[in-house]
Amino acid sequence: MVTLVETLEIAACLMLIMLVLMQPGRGGMGPSFGGRATQQVFGSAATSKILMRATFILAAVVLVATVLLAWLSSR
């Protein structure tokens, strides 16, 4: 059981890292160098919402798996 939860947590962590890296940046120097134009070409608001929702779900999976692992290790 512990091995299954550990595998699930590692997979969810790796997917969470990839999802965070795929999300567009918020501000910085991007707009002054044409960041808005690239955002209009390569992404849309719908894609951003999907990425945010998937990030939230994976973060919840990681949290539950961590709590479950802590509970299993205390037994």
N, C-alpha and C. Protein backbone atom coordinates (compact mmCIF):
# COMPACT_ATOMS: atom_id res chain seq x y z
N MET A 1 0.82 -1.20 0.00
CA MET A 1 0.00 0.00 0.00
C MET A 1 0.87 1.26 0.00
N VAL A 2 1.92 1.24 0.81
CA VAL A 2 2.79 2.40 0.91
C VAL A 2 3.49 2.65 -0.43
N THR A 3 3.92 1.57 -1.09
CA THR A 3 4.60 1.71 -2.37
C THR A 3 3.68 2.33 -3.42
N LEU A 4 2.42 1.93 -3.41
CA LEU A 4 1.45 2.49 -4.35
C LEU A 4 1.25 3.98 -4.11
N VAL A 5 1.11 4.38 -2.87
CA VAL A 5 0.90 5.80 -2.54
C VAL A 5 2.16 6.61 -2.86
N GLU A 6 3.33 6.04 -2.59
CA GLU A 6 4.58 6.74 -2.92
C GLU A 6 4.72 6.95 -4.43
N THR A 7 4.38 5.93 -5.20
CA THR A 7 4.44 6.04 -6.66
C THR A 7 3.46 7.09 -7.16
N LEU A 8 2.26 7.08 -6.61
CA LEU A 8 1.26 8.09 -6.98
C LEU A 8 1.74 9.49 -6.65
N GLU A 9 2.35 9.65 -5.49
CA GLU A 9 2.81 10.98 -5.08
C GLU A 9 3.96 11.47 -5.96
N ILE A 10 4.90 10.60 -6.27
CA ILE A 10 6.02 11.00 -7.13
C ILE A 10 5.54 11.38 -8.52
N ALA A 11 4.62 10.59 -9.08
CA ALA A 11 4.08 10.90 -10.40
C ALA A 11 3.32 12.22 -10.37
N ALA A 12 2.52 12.44 -9.34
CA ALA A 12 1.76 13.69 -9.23
C ALA A 12 2.68 14.88 -9.05
N CYS A 13 3.77 14.72 -8.28
CA CYS A 13 4.72 15.81 -8.10
C CYS A 13 5.40 16.19 -9.41
N LEU A 14 5.80 15.19 -10.18
CA LEU A 14 6.45 15.47 -11.46
C LEU A 14 5.49 16.15 -12.44
N MET A 15 4.24 15.70 -12.47
CA MET A 15 3.26 16.34 -13.34
C MET A 15 2.96 17.76 -12.86
N LEU A 16 2.94 17.97 -11.55
CA LEU A 16 2.68 19.30 -11.01
C LEU A 16 3.80 20.26 -11.39
N ILE A 17 5.04 19.81 -11.31
CA ILE A 17 6.17 20.65 -11.71
C ILE A 17 6.04 21.02 -13.18
N MET A 18 5.71 20.06 -14.03
CA MET A 18 5.58 20.35 -15.46
C MET A 18 4.43 21.32 -15.73
N LEU A 19 3.31 21.17 -15.02
CA LEU A 19 2.18 22.08 -15.22
C LEU A 19 2.52 23.50 -14.79
N VAL A 20 3.24 23.64 -13.70
CA VAL A 20 3.61 24.98 -13.24
C VAL A 20 4.56 25.64 -14.24
N LEU A 21 5.47 24.86 -14.79
CA LEU A 21 6.40 25.43 -15.77
C LEU A 21 5.71 25.77 -17.09
N MET A 22 4.60 25.13 -17.41
CA MET A 22 3.88 25.41 -18.66
C MET A 22 3.01 26.66 -18.56
N GLN A 23 2.71 27.11 -17.36
CA GLN A 23 1.82 28.26 -17.21
C GLN A 23 2.51 29.55 -17.62
N PRO A 24 1.76 30.47 -18.20
CA PRO A 24 2.36 31.75 -18.61
C PRO A 24 2.73 32.61 -17.41
N GLY A 25 3.74 33.46 -17.60
CA GLY A 25 4.17 34.36 -16.54
C GLY A 25 3.18 35.48 -16.32
N ARG A 26 3.32 36.15 -15.20
CA ARG A 26 2.42 37.26 -14.85
C ARG A 26 3.24 38.54 -14.70
N GLY A 27 3.36 39.29 -15.76
CA GLY A 27 4.04 40.58 -15.66
C GLY A 27 5.53 40.48 -15.85
N GLY A 28 6.27 41.28 -15.11
CA GLY A 28 7.71 41.33 -15.28
C GLY A 28 8.09 42.21 -16.46
N MET A 29 9.14 41.87 -17.15
CA MET A 29 9.60 42.65 -18.30
C MET A 29 8.96 42.20 -19.60
N GLY A 30 8.14 41.16 -19.58
CA GLY A 30 7.52 40.63 -20.79
C GLY A 30 6.70 41.64 -21.58
N PRO A 31 5.79 42.39 -20.95
CA PRO A 31 4.98 43.34 -21.71
C PRO A 31 5.79 44.44 -22.38
N SER A 32 6.90 44.84 -21.81
CA SER A 32 7.67 45.90 -22.43
C SER A 32 8.44 45.42 -23.66
N PHE A 33 8.61 44.11 -23.79
CA PHE A 33 9.30 43.56 -24.95
C PHE A 33 8.38 42.76 -25.86
N GLY A 34 7.10 43.06 -25.84
CA GLY A 34 6.16 42.39 -26.74
C GLY A 34 5.60 41.10 -26.18
N GLY A 35 5.55 40.96 -24.89
CA GLY A 35 5.04 39.74 -24.27
C GLY A 35 3.57 39.50 -24.54
N ARG A 36 2.81 40.57 -24.70
CA ARG A 36 1.39 40.40 -24.96
C ARG A 36 1.15 39.80 -26.33
N ALA A 37 1.93 40.19 -27.31
CA ALA A 37 1.75 39.67 -28.66
C ALA A 37 2.03 38.17 -28.68
N THR A 38 3.06 37.71 -27.99
CA THR A 38 3.34 36.29 -27.99
C THR A 38 2.28 35.52 -27.21
N GLN A 39 1.72 36.15 -26.20
CA GLN A 39 0.67 35.48 -25.44
C GLN A 39 -0.59 35.33 -26.28
N GLN A 40 -0.87 36.30 -27.14
CA GLN A 40 -2.04 36.21 -28.00
C GLN A 40 -1.85 35.14 -29.06
N VAL A 41 -0.62 34.96 -29.53
CA VAL A 41 -0.36 33.99 -30.57
C VAL A 41 -0.31 32.58 -30.01
N PHE A 42 0.37 32.39 -28.89
CA PHE A 42 0.64 31.05 -28.39
C PHE A 42 -0.33 30.56 -27.33
N GLY A 43 -1.14 31.39 -26.78
CA GLY A 43 -2.02 30.92 -25.71
C GLY A 43 -3.29 31.72 -25.64
N SER A 44 -4.24 31.19 -24.90
CA SER A 44 -5.49 31.91 -24.70
C SER A 44 -5.90 31.78 -23.25
N ALA A 45 -6.94 32.48 -22.91
CA ALA A 45 -7.41 32.44 -21.52
C ALA A 45 -7.98 31.07 -21.17
N ALA A 46 -8.58 30.39 -22.14
CA ALA A 46 -9.14 29.07 -21.86
C ALA A 46 -8.06 28.07 -21.49
N THR A 47 -6.94 28.12 -22.19
CA THR A 47 -5.83 27.22 -21.88
C THR A 47 -5.29 27.51 -20.50
N SER A 48 -5.20 28.77 -20.15
CA SER A 48 -4.70 29.14 -18.83
C SER A 48 -5.62 28.62 -17.73
N LYS A 49 -6.93 28.69 -17.93
CA LYS A 49 -7.87 28.20 -16.93
C LYS A 49 -7.76 26.69 -16.77
N ILE A 50 -7.56 25.98 -17.88
CA ILE A 50 -7.41 24.52 -17.81
C ILE A 50 -6.15 24.16 -17.04
N LEU A 51 -5.05 24.87 -17.31
CA LEU A 51 -3.80 24.60 -16.60
C LEU A 51 -3.93 24.90 -15.11
N MET A 52 -4.62 25.98 -14.78
CA MET A 52 -4.81 26.33 -13.37
C MET A 52 -5.66 25.27 -12.66
N ARG A 53 -6.71 24.80 -13.32
CA ARG A 53 -7.57 23.79 -12.72
C ARG A 53 -6.82 22.47 -12.52
N ALA A 54 -6.03 22.08 -13.52
CA ALA A 54 -5.24 20.85 -13.41
C ALA A 54 -4.19 20.99 -12.31
N THR A 55 -3.60 22.17 -12.18
CA THR A 55 -2.62 22.41 -11.13
C THR A 55 -3.27 22.27 -9.76
N PHE A 56 -4.46 22.80 -9.60
CA PHE A 56 -5.17 22.70 -8.33
C PHE A 56 -5.48 21.24 -7.99
N ILE A 57 -5.94 20.48 -8.97
CA ILE A 57 -6.28 19.08 -8.73
C ILE A 57 -5.04 18.28 -8.36
N LEU A 58 -3.93 18.49 -9.09
CA LEU A 58 -2.71 17.75 -8.78
C LEU A 58 -2.14 18.16 -7.42
N ALA A 59 -2.27 19.42 -7.06
CA ALA A 59 -1.81 19.85 -5.74
C ALA A 59 -2.63 19.16 -4.64
N ALA A 60 -3.92 19.01 -4.87
CA ALA A 60 -4.77 18.32 -3.90
C ALA A 60 -4.38 16.84 -3.81
N VAL A 61 -4.05 16.22 -4.94
CA VAL A 61 -3.62 14.82 -4.93
C VAL A 61 -2.33 14.66 -4.14
N VAL A 62 -1.38 15.58 -4.35
CA VAL A 62 -0.12 15.53 -3.62
C VAL A 62 -0.36 15.71 -2.11
N LEU A 63 -1.23 16.63 -1.76
CA LEU A 63 -1.53 16.87 -0.36
C LEU A 63 -2.15 15.64 0.30
N VAL A 64 -3.13 15.04 -0.35
CA VAL A 64 -3.79 13.87 0.20
C VAL A 64 -2.82 12.70 0.29
N ALA A 65 -1.99 12.52 -0.73
CA ALA A 65 -1.01 11.43 -0.69
C ALA A 65 0.01 11.63 0.43
N THR A 66 0.41 12.87 0.66
CA THR A 66 1.36 13.15 1.74
C THR A 66 0.75 12.86 3.11
N VAL A 67 -0.48 13.28 3.31
CA VAL A 67 -1.16 13.01 4.58
C VAL A 67 -1.36 11.51 4.75
N LEU A 68 -1.73 10.82 3.68
CA LEU A 68 -1.92 9.37 3.75
C LEU A 68 -0.61 8.65 4.07
N LEU A 69 0.50 9.09 3.48
CA LEU A 69 1.79 8.49 3.78
C LEU A 69 2.19 8.74 5.24
N ALA A 70 1.93 9.93 5.73
CA ALA A 70 2.24 10.22 7.14
C ALA A 70 1.40 9.35 8.05
N TRP A 71 0.13 9.16 7.72
CA TRP A 71 -0.74 8.32 8.53
C TRP A 71 -0.28 6.86 8.48
N LEU A 72 0.08 6.36 7.29
CA LEU A 72 0.52 4.98 7.16
C LEU A 72 1.85 4.73 7.89
N SER A 73 2.72 5.72 7.89
CA SER A 73 4.01 5.52 8.54
C SER A 73 3.88 5.57 10.07
N SER A 74 2.84 6.21 10.58
CA SER A 74 2.66 6.27 12.03
C SER A 74 2.03 5.00 12.60
N ARG A 75 1.49 4.19 11.73
CA ARG A 75 0.83 2.95 12.18
C ARG A 75 1.81 1.86 12.43
